[in-house]
Amino acid sequence: MDDREVLVGISFLAIAIFVMANGFIKSIQIQRAIEAPLQEEVSSVVQEPEQLYEFQTHKIKYQIYHQWDLNDNDMRYLYHTIVLEQLWINEPFHSAFFKILLLLDTNDFMIVDPNSKVVTLNLRDVKNKMSTSKSYQVFSTKEIVANVFRRVLAKIFKFNKTDAQSITLSICIIALQKSTHYLVPTQQGDIVTDILSKHDGSKDIKHIISLINERDEQLLFIERAFEYALSYAQTYPYNDQGVKSTAIQMPSNLPHKVLQHI
């Protein structure tokens, strides 16, 4: 091989090496061009400040009536268990139920014991005017209402909220209808109308009361709860003369609601 051929071979080899080197450099440049945005994206994600969220531990405040506006422990129990624990603070139910509790709390409503012996007394006053009074054993309406609810609340809460609230008011009204204040002609103000005067679901409540009194199968557990409560409740001596001379104290204005934690 002469010198010329050697030079040609070296030239081709040099060109090949140059082409390969140039291609390798371009490959690296392309790879860097591809990786650069990815690195920037990763960098931007990594560099984002960490967001910290505080766990909300404070209790929410609600507009409710003060439990201590009720003197009787059973009435406070019913307000706490039915209204506060279930958050049944929607109107008009909230105010209607509290009004009933105030009515029961303020007045000594009694339900006559059907098994009680009635003692009739004929008395003459200083003007020789004859008056007749009857004495008998009675149950405290407050105690009966509380004991009925203790037995039926779990079942009531299985109904949808609207129906459950209507059933709750119906039980209270039935208890009032059974009470002596309501049965005495001279004291027979329309308690039911007064309680439901501002309640949108008054027709539904009256319908539920009719179903309970008719021992409707779906609501039969309520009538049975009344029977059970009356069977085991304590009785008290009572004279109907006291009923005639005692006016029913209807709560005309409800106390102001207060913003409280529940």
C-alpha atoms as a PDB file:
ATOM      1  CA  MET A   1       0.000   0.000   0.000  1.00  0.00           C
ATOM      2  CA  ASP A   2       1.508   3.344  -1.009  1.00  0.00           C
ATOM      3  CA  ASP A   3       1.456   6.542   0.989  1.00  0.00           C
ATOM      4  CA  ARG A   4      -1.528   7.883  -0.909  1.00  0.00           C
ATOM      5  CA  GLU A   5      -3.752   5.046   0.040  1.00  0.00           C
ATOM      6  CA  VAL A   6      -2.702   5.360   3.646  1.00  0.00           C
ATOM      7  CA  LEU A   7      -3.620   9.059   3.677  1.00  0.00           C
ATOM      8  CA  VAL A   8      -7.032   8.335   2.133  1.00  0.00           C
ATOM      9  CA  GLY A   9      -7.724   5.660   4.760  1.00  0.00           C
ATOM     10  CA  ILE A  10      -6.732   7.972   7.553  1.00  0.00           C
ATOM     11  CA  SER A  11      -8.998  10.703   6.139  1.00  0.00           C
ATOM     12  CA  PHE A  12     -12.006   8.380   6.011  1.00  0.00           C
ATOM     13  CA  LEU A  13     -11.325   7.224   9.541  1.00  0.00           C
ATOM     14  CA  ALA A  14     -11.066  10.811  10.768  1.00  0.00           C
ATOM     15  CA  ILE A  15     -14.346  11.733   9.045  1.00  0.00           C
ATOM     16  CA  ALA A  16     -16.088   8.697  10.574  1.00  0.00           C
ATOM     17  CA  ILE A  17     -14.810   9.562  14.015  1.00  0.00           C
ATOM     18  CA  PHE A  18     -15.985  13.193  13.567  1.00  0.00           C
ATOM     19  CA  VAL A  19     -19.455  12.129  12.445  1.00  0.00           C
ATOM     20  CA  MET A  20     -19.799   9.712  15.334  1.00  0.00           C
ATOM     21  CA  ALA A  21     -18.576  12.277  17.825  1.00  0.00           C
ATOM     22  CA  ASN A  22     -20.906  14.923  16.431  1.00  0.00           C
ATOM     23  CA  GLY A  23     -23.837  12.523  16.612  1.00  0.00           C
ATOM     24  CA  PHE A  24     -23.006  11.610  20.195  1.00  0.00           C
ATOM     25  CA  ILE A  25     -22.834  15.290  21.174  1.00  0.00           C
ATOM     26  CA  LYS A  26     -26.207  15.987  19.537  1.00  0.00           C
ATOM     27  CA  SER A  27     -27.687  12.969  21.312  1.00  0.00           C
ATOM     28  CA  ILE A  28     -26.482  14.354  24.639  1.00  0.00           C
ATOM     29  CA  GLN A  29     -27.890  17.776  23.774  1.00  0.00           C
ATOM     30  CA  ILE A  30     -31.272  16.266  22.855  1.00  0.00           C
ATOM     31  CA  GLN A  31     -31.333  14.216  26.053  1.00  0.00           C
ATOM     32  CA  ARG A  32     -30.534  17.329  28.096  1.00  0.00           C
ATOM     33  CA  ALA A  33     -33.223  19.269  26.264  1.00  0.00           C
ATOM     34  CA  ILE A  34     -35.758  16.573  27.192  1.00  0.00           C
ATOM     35  CA  GLU A  35     -34.633  16.270  30.800  1.00  0.00           C
ATOM     36  CA  ALA A  36     -34.384  20.000  31.469  1.00  0.00           C
ATOM     37  CA  PRO A  37     -38.185  20.699  31.648  1.00  0.00           C
ATOM     38  CA  LEU A  38     -38.678  17.563  33.685  1.00  0.00           C
ATOM     39  CA  GLN A  39     -36.051  18.668  36.159  1.00  0.00           C
ATOM     40  CA  GLU A  40     -37.594  22.120  36.308  1.00  0.00           C
ATOM     41  CA  GLU A  41     -41.059  20.570  36.914  1.00  0.00           C
ATOM     42  CA  VAL A  42     -39.722  18.268  39.626  1.00  0.00           C
ATOM     43  CA  SER A  43     -37.855  21.181  41.121  1.00  0.00           C
ATOM     44  CA  SER A  44     -40.964  23.350  41.145  1.00  0.00           C
ATOM     45  CA  VAL A  45     -42.992  20.573  42.826  1.00  0.00           C
ATOM     46  CA  VAL A  46     -40.345  19.921  45.425  1.00  0.00           C
ATOM     47  CA  GLN A  47     -39.916  23.585  46.149  1.00  0.00           C
ATOM     48  CA  GLU A  48     -43.654  24.166  46.819  1.00  0.00           C
ATOM     49  CA  PRO A  49     -44.096  25.106  50.489  1.00  0.00           C
ATOM     50  CA  GLU A  50     -45.867  22.480  52.575  1.00  0.00           C
ATOM     51  CA  GLN A  51     -49.429  23.440  53.519  1.00  0.00           C
ATOM     52  CA  LEU A  52     -50.386  22.834  57.118  1.00  0.00           C
ATOM     53  CA  TYR A  53     -54.031  22.519  58.173  1.00  0.00           C
ATOM     54  CA  GLU A  54     -55.241  23.071  61.711  1.00  0.00           C
ATOM     55  CA  PHE A  55     -57.587  20.499  63.168  1.00  0.00           C
ATOM     56  CA  GLN A  56     -60.861  22.204  64.138  1.00  0.00           C
ATOM     57  CA  THR A  57     -61.429  21.355  67.791  1.00  0.00           C
ATOM     58  CA  HIS A  58     -63.765  24.198  68.773  1.00  0.00           C
ATOM     59  CA  LYS A  59     -67.476  23.432  69.200  1.00  0.00           C
ATOM     60  CA  ILE A  60     -70.101  25.109  67.072  1.00  0.00           C
ATOM     61  CA  LYS A  61     -72.536  27.432  68.826  1.00  0.00           C
ATOM     62  CA  TYR A  62     -76.282  27.176  68.220  1.00  0.00           C
ATOM     63  CA  GLN A  63     -79.302  29.316  69.054  1.00  0.00           C
ATOM     64  CA  ILE A  64     -81.075  27.294  71.744  1.00  0.00           C
ATOM     65  CA  TYR A  65     -83.245  27.806  74.801  1.00  0.00           C
ATOM     66  CA  HIS A  66     -81.581  27.631  78.176  1.00  0.00           C
ATOM     67  CA  GLN A  67     -82.281  24.304  79.884  1.00  0.00           C
ATOM     68  CA  TRP A  68     -82.488  26.012  83.263  1.00  0.00           C
ATOM     69  CA  ASP A  69     -85.615  27.852  82.157  1.00  0.00           C
ATOM     70  CA  LEU A  70     -87.208  24.485  82.987  1.00  0.00           C
ATOM     71  CA  ASN A  71     -87.473  23.613  86.686  1.00  0.00           C
ATOM     72  CA  ASP A  72     -88.373  19.946  86.398  1.00  0.00           C
ATOM     73  CA  ASN A  73     -85.553  17.437  85.862  1.00  0.00           C
ATOM     74  CA  ASP A  74     -87.670  15.297  83.525  1.00  0.00           C
ATOM     75  CA  MET A  75     -88.442  18.292  81.309  1.00  0.00           C
ATOM     76  CA  ARG A  76     -84.768  19.240  81.140  1.00  0.00           C
ATOM     77  CA  TYR A  77     -83.950  15.629  80.279  1.00  0.00           C
ATOM     78  CA  LEU A  78     -86.434  15.650  77.390  1.00  0.00           C
ATOM     79  CA  TYR A  79     -85.111  18.940  76.001  1.00  0.00           C
ATOM     80  CA  HIS A  80     -81.517  17.745  76.173  1.00  0.00           C
ATOM     81  CA  THR A  81     -82.165  14.256  74.763  1.00  0.00           C
ATOM     82  CA  ILE A  82     -84.618  15.177  72.019  1.00  0.00           C
ATOM     83  CA  VAL A  83     -83.551  18.658  70.931  1.00  0.00           C
ATOM     84  CA  LEU A  84     -79.888  19.051  71.787  1.00  0.00           C
ATOM     85  CA  GLU A  85     -78.570  15.541  71.207  1.00  0.00           C
ATOM     86  CA  GLN A  86     -80.481  15.204  67.931  1.00  0.00           C
ATOM     87  CA  LEU A  87     -79.859  18.834  66.916  1.00  0.00           C
ATOM     88  CA  TRP A  88     -83.593  19.260  66.330  1.00  0.00           C
ATOM     89  CA  ILE A  89     -83.320  23.041  66.484  1.00  0.00           C
ATOM     90  CA  ASN A  90     -85.300  23.656  63.316  1.00  0.00           C
ATOM     91  CA  GLU A  91     -88.374  25.829  63.568  1.00  0.00           C
ATOM     92  CA  PRO A  92     -91.260  25.640  64.193  1.00  0.00           C
ATOM     93  CA  PHE A  93     -90.646  22.301  65.959  1.00  0.00           C
ATOM     94  CA  HIS A  94     -88.000  23.676  68.340  1.00  0.00           C
ATOM     95  CA  SER A  95     -90.199  26.410  69.807  1.00  0.00           C
ATOM     96  CA  ALA A  96     -93.396  24.307  69.767  1.00  0.00           C
ATOM     97  CA  PHE A  97     -91.735  21.507  71.731  1.00  0.00           C
ATOM     98  CA  PHE A  98     -90.147  23.899  74.222  1.00  0.00           C
ATOM     99  CA  LYS A  99     -93.532  25.582  74.711  1.00  0.00           C
ATOM    100  CA  ILE A 100     -95.066  22.201  75.595  1.00  0.00           C
ATOM    101  CA  LEU A 101     -92.246  21.492  78.046  1.00  0.00           C
ATOM    102  CA  LEU A 102     -92.819  24.901  79.676  1.00  0.00           C
ATOM    103  CA  LEU A 103     -96.545  24.198  79.862  1.00  0.00           C
ATOM    104  CA  LEU A 104     -95.946  20.852  81.574  1.00  0.00           C
ATOM    105  CA  ASP A 105     -93.257  22.348  83.778  1.00  0.00           C
ATOM    106  CA  THR A 106     -95.413  25.246  84.996  1.00  0.00           C
ATOM    107  CA  ASN A 107     -98.680  23.379  85.601  1.00  0.00           C
ATOM    108  CA  ASP A 108     -99.445  20.364  87.773  1.00  0.00           C
ATOM    109  CA  PHE A 109    -101.226  18.328  85.122  1.00  0.00           C
ATOM    110  CA  MET A 110    -102.508  14.983  86.381  1.00  0.00           C
ATOM    111  CA  ILE A 111    -103.888  11.877  84.684  1.00  0.00           C
ATOM    112  CA  VAL A 112    -106.626  10.101  86.634  1.00  0.00           C
ATOM    113  CA  ASP A 113    -105.803   6.535  87.653  1.00  0.00           C
ATOM    114  CA  PRO A 114    -108.615   4.472  86.067  1.00  0.00           C
ATOM    115  CA  ASN A 115    -108.286   1.916  88.884  1.00  0.00           C
ATOM    116  CA  SER A 116    -108.669   4.529  91.603  1.00  0.00           C
ATOM    117  CA  LYS A 117    -111.738   4.675  93.844  1.00  0.00           C
ATOM    118  CA  VAL A 118    -113.513   8.015  93.609  1.00  0.00           C
ATOM    119  CA  VAL A 119    -114.513   9.521  96.934  1.00  0.00           C
ATOM    120  CA  THR A 120    -117.296  12.102  96.625  1.00  0.00           C
ATOM    121  CA  LEU A 121    -117.694  14.746  99.332  1.00  0.00           C
ATOM    122  CA  ASN A 122    -120.665  17.084  99.729  1.00  0.00           C
ATOM    123  CA  LEU A 123    -119.684  20.176 101.678  1.00  0.00           C
ATOM    124  CA  ARG A 124    -121.544  23.272 102.829  1.00  0.00           C
ATOM    125  CA  ASP A 125    -119.844  26.604 103.177  1.00  0.00           C
ATOM    126  CA  VAL A 126    -120.578  29.315 105.751  1.00  0.00           C
ATOM    127  CA  LYS A 127    -123.486  30.522 103.597  1.00  0.00           C
ATOM    128  CA  ASN A 128    -124.955  27.032 103.623  1.00  0.00           C
ATOM    129  CA  LYS A 129    -124.174  26.626  99.920  1.00  0.00           C
ATOM    130  CA  MET A 130    -123.614  23.014  98.893  1.00  0.00           C
ATOM    131  CA  SER A 131    -120.498  22.078  96.909  1.00  0.00           C
ATOM    132  CA  THR A 132    -119.354  18.698  95.743  1.00  0.00           C
ATOM    133  CA  SER A 133    -115.787  17.571  95.298  1.00  0.00           C
ATOM    134  CA  LYS A 134    -114.239  14.309  94.235  1.00  0.00           C
ATOM    135  CA  SER A 135    -110.985  12.819  95.446  1.00  0.00           C
ATOM    136  CA  TYR A 136    -109.042  10.180  93.558  1.00  0.00           C
ATOM    137  CA  GLN A 137    -105.578   8.904  92.767  1.00  0.00           C
ATOM    138  CA  VAL A 138    -103.728  10.467  89.865  1.00  0.00           C
ATOM    139  CA  PHE A 139    -100.468  10.220  87.963  1.00  0.00           C
ATOM    140  CA  SER A 140     -98.156  13.136  87.299  1.00  0.00           C
ATOM    141  CA  THR A 141     -98.396  13.985  83.593  1.00  0.00           C
ATOM    142  CA  LYS A 142     -94.768  15.120  83.583  1.00  0.00           C
ATOM    143  CA  GLU A 143     -93.601  11.746  84.859  1.00  0.00           C
ATOM    144  CA  ILE A 144     -95.792   9.841  82.407  1.00  0.00           C
ATOM    145  CA  VAL A 145     -94.541  11.858  79.417  1.00  0.00           C
ATOM    146  CA  ALA A 146     -90.914  11.363  80.421  1.00  0.00           C
ATOM    147  CA  ASN A 147     -91.366   7.611  80.953  1.00  0.00           C
ATOM    148  CA  VAL A 148     -93.186   7.183  77.640  1.00  0.00           C
ATOM    149  CA  PHE A 149     -90.370   8.915  75.769  1.00  0.00           C
ATOM    150  CA  ARG A 150     -87.736   6.795  77.530  1.00  0.00           C
ATOM    151  CA  ARG A 151     -89.411   3.714  76.034  1.00  0.00           C
ATOM    152  CA  VAL A 152     -90.104   4.982  72.511  1.00  0.00           C
ATOM    153  CA  LEU A 153     -87.330   7.402  71.528  1.00  0.00           C
ATOM    154  CA  ALA A 154     -85.169   4.745  69.871  1.00  0.00           C
ATOM    155  CA  LYS A 155     -88.090   3.789  67.612  1.00  0.00           C
ATOM    156  CA  ILE A 156     -89.097   7.400  66.947  1.00  0.00           C
ATOM    157  CA  PHE A 157     -85.581   8.247  65.744  1.00  0.00           C
ATOM    158  CA  LYS A 158     -85.894   5.550  63.050  1.00  0.00           C
ATOM    159  CA  PHE A 159     -88.551   7.621  61.266  1.00  0.00           C
ATOM    160  CA  ASN A 160     -87.525  10.443  58.966  1.00  0.00           C
ATOM    161  CA  LYS A 161     -86.936  13.703  60.788  1.00  0.00           C
ATOM    162  CA  THR A 162     -90.227  15.388  59.853  1.00  0.00           C
ATOM    163  CA  ASP A 163     -92.372  12.418  60.878  1.00  0.00           C
ATOM    164  CA  ALA A 164     -90.312  11.814  64.027  1.00  0.00           C
ATOM    165  CA  GLN A 165     -90.836  15.401  65.161  1.00  0.00           C
ATOM    166  CA  SER A 166     -94.575  15.206  64.444  1.00  0.00           C
ATOM    167  CA  ILE A 167     -94.808  11.980  66.477  1.00  0.00           C
ATOM    168  CA  THR A 168     -92.916  13.658  69.332  1.00  0.00           C
ATOM    169  CA  LEU A 169     -95.381  16.550  69.498  1.00  0.00           C
ATOM    170  CA  SER A 170     -98.317  14.136  69.159  1.00  0.00           C
ATOM    171  CA  ILE A 171     -97.235  12.173  72.248  1.00  0.00           C
ATOM    172  CA  CYS A 172     -97.125  15.366  74.307  1.00  0.00           C
ATOM    173  CA  ILE A 173    -100.552  16.478  73.107  1.00  0.00           C
ATOM    174  CA  ILE A 174    -102.109  13.072  73.836  1.00  0.00           C
ATOM    175  CA  ALA A 175    -100.737  13.254  77.383  1.00  0.00           C
ATOM    176  CA  LEU A 176    -102.261  16.716  77.809  1.00  0.00           C
ATOM    177  CA  GLN A 177    -105.599  15.476  76.480  1.00  0.00           C
ATOM    178  CA  LYS A 178    -105.577  12.724  79.097  1.00  0.00           C
ATOM    179  CA  SER A 179    -104.853  15.212  81.892  1.00  0.00           C
ATOM    180  CA  THR A 180    -107.362  16.542  84.422  1.00  0.00           C
ATOM    181  CA  HIS A 181    -106.825  20.212  83.634  1.00  0.00           C
ATOM    182  CA  TYR A 182    -107.882  19.541  80.076  1.00  0.00           C
ATOM    183  CA  LEU A 183    -110.955  17.509  81.093  1.00  0.00           C
ATOM    184  CA  VAL A 184    -112.482  20.058  83.464  1.00  0.00           C
ATOM    185  CA  PRO A 185    -115.099  22.097  81.480  1.00  0.00           C
ATOM    186  CA  THR A 186    -114.334  25.419  83.181  1.00  0.00           C
ATOM    187  CA  GLN A 187    -110.639  25.113  82.241  1.00  0.00           C
ATOM    188  CA  GLN A 188    -111.054  23.677  78.759  1.00  0.00           C
ATOM    189  CA  GLY A 189    -109.099  26.242  76.759  1.00  0.00           C
ATOM    190  CA  ASP A 190    -108.042  24.902  73.380  1.00  0.00           C
ATOM    191  CA  ILE A 191    -104.527  23.889  74.373  1.00  0.00           C
ATOM    192  CA  VAL A 192    -103.907  21.931  71.188  1.00  0.00           C
ATOM    193  CA  THR A 193    -104.896  24.828  68.946  1.00  0.00           C
ATOM    194  CA  ASP A 194    -102.713  27.201  70.931  1.00  0.00           C
ATOM    195  CA  ILE A 195     -99.694  24.912  70.722  1.00  0.00           C
ATOM    196  CA  LEU A 196    -100.069  24.228  67.007  1.00  0.00           C
ATOM    197  CA  SER A 197    -101.215  27.697  65.956  1.00  0.00           C
ATOM    198  CA  LYS A 198     -97.850  28.496  64.361  1.00  0.00           C
ATOM    199  CA  HIS A 199     -96.924  24.976  63.301  1.00  0.00           C
ATOM    200  CA  ASP A 200     -97.009  24.244  59.560  1.00  0.00           C
ATOM    201  CA  GLY A 201     -97.505  20.526  60.118  1.00  0.00           C
ATOM    202  CA  SER A 202    -100.526  20.810  62.419  1.00  0.00           C
ATOM    203  CA  LYS A 203    -102.717  18.704  60.092  1.00  0.00           C
ATOM    204  CA  ASP A 204    -100.129  15.919  60.048  1.00  0.00           C
ATOM    205  CA  ILE A 205     -99.862  16.016  63.842  1.00  0.00           C
ATOM    206  CA  LYS A 206    -103.623  15.784  64.301  1.00  0.00           C
ATOM    207  CA  HIS A 207    -103.673  12.879  61.844  1.00  0.00           C
ATOM    208  CA  ILE A 208    -100.936  11.080  63.794  1.00  0.00           C
ATOM    209  CA  ILE A 209    -102.879  11.636  67.037  1.00  0.00           C
ATOM    210  CA  SER A 210    -105.911  10.001  65.423  1.00  0.00           C
ATOM    211  CA  LEU A 211    -103.814   7.035  64.271  1.00  0.00           C
ATOM    212  CA  ILE A 212    -102.352   6.552  67.762  1.00  0.00           C
ATOM    213  CA  ASN A 213    -105.786   6.710  69.385  1.00  0.00           C
ATOM    214  CA  GLU A 214    -107.094   4.220  66.823  1.00  0.00           C
ATOM    215  CA  ARG A 215    -104.186   1.885  67.689  1.00  0.00           C
ATOM    216  CA  ASP A 216    -102.704   1.970  64.204  1.00  0.00           C
ATOM    217  CA  GLU A 217    -100.280  -0.951  63.876  1.00  0.00           C
ATOM    218  CA  GLN A 218     -97.303   1.200  62.859  1.00  0.00           C
ATOM    219  CA  LEU A 219     -97.731   3.448  65.906  1.00  0.00           C
ATOM    220  CA  LEU A 220     -99.022   0.847  68.341  1.00  0.00           C
ATOM    221  CA  PHE A 221     -95.732   0.988  70.272  1.00  0.00           C
ATOM    222  CA  ILE A 222     -96.723   4.457  71.527  1.00  0.00           C
ATOM    223  CA  GLU A 223    -100.037   3.342  73.003  1.00  0.00           C
ATOM    224  CA  ARG A 224     -98.279   0.383  74.628  1.00  0.00           C
ATOM    225  CA  ALA A 225     -95.666   2.735  76.096  1.00  0.00           C
ATOM    226  CA  PHE A 226     -98.479   4.791  77.662  1.00  0.00           C
ATOM    227  CA  GLU A 227    -100.025   1.634  79.097  1.00  0.00           C
ATOM    228  CA  TYR A 228     -96.703   0.515  80.534  1.00  0.00           C
ATOM    229  CA  ALA A 229     -95.948   3.957  82.009  1.00  0.00           C
ATOM    230  CA  LEU A 230     -99.375   4.144  83.664  1.00  0.00           C
ATOM    231  CA  SER A 231     -98.973   0.618  85.060  1.00  0.00           C
ATOM    232  CA  TYR A 232     -95.747   1.358  86.920  1.00  0.00           C
ATOM    233  CA  ALA A 233     -95.976   5.068  87.734  1.00  0.00           C
ATOM    234  CA  GLN A 234     -96.447   6.413  91.242  1.00  0.00           C
ATOM    235  CA  THR A 235     -99.914   7.717  92.119  1.00  0.00           C
ATOM    236  CA  TYR A 236    -100.784  10.819  94.150  1.00  0.00           C
ATOM    237  CA  PRO A 237    -103.957  11.836  96.037  1.00  0.00           C
ATOM    238  CA  TYR A 238    -105.833  14.585  94.247  1.00  0.00           C
ATOM    239  CA  ASN A 239    -109.005  16.596  94.680  1.00  0.00           C
ATOM    240  CA  ASP A 240    -110.776  18.097  91.688  1.00  0.00           C
ATOM    241  CA  GLN A 241    -111.661  21.209  93.680  1.00  0.00           C
ATOM    242  CA  GLY A 242    -108.069  22.303  93.224  1.00  0.00           C
ATOM    243  CA  VAL A 243    -108.329  21.921  89.473  1.00  0.00           C
ATOM    244  CA  LYS A 244    -111.397  24.139  89.278  1.00  0.00           C
ATOM    245  CA  SER A 245    -109.733  26.922  91.244  1.00  0.00           C
ATOM    246  CA  THR A 246    -106.420  26.815  89.412  1.00  0.00           C
ATOM    247  CA  ALA A 247    -106.114  28.428  86.004  1.00  0.00           C
ATOM    248  CA  ILE A 248    -103.817  26.911  83.424  1.00  0.00           C
ATOM    249  CA  GLN A 249    -100.718  29.017  82.992  1.00  0.00           C
ATOM    250  CA  MET A 250    -100.056  29.183  79.265  1.00  0.00           C
ATOM    251  CA  PRO A 251     -96.591  30.476  78.343  1.00  0.00           C
ATOM    252  CA  SER A 252     -97.447  33.511  76.219  1.00  0.00           C
ATOM    253  CA  ASN A 253     -93.881  34.499  75.416  1.00  0.00           C
ATOM    254  CA  LEU A 254     -91.003  32.062  75.212  1.00  0.00           C
ATOM    255  CA  PRO A 255     -87.649  32.974  76.748  1.00  0.00           C
ATOM    256  CA  HIS A 256     -85.010  34.392  74.446  1.00  0.00           C
ATOM    257  CA  LYS A 257     -82.715  31.897  72.793  1.00  0.00           C
ATOM    258  CA  VAL A 258     -79.039  32.072  73.649  1.00  0.00           C
ATOM    259  CA  LEU A 259     -75.957  31.213  71.592  1.00  0.00           C
ATOM    260  CA  GLN A 260     -74.454  28.155  73.224  1.00  0.00           C
ATOM    261  CA  HIS A 261     -72.198  25.180  72.585  1.00  0.00           C
ATOM    262  CA  ILE A 262     -73.918  21.816  72.442  1.00  0.00           C
END
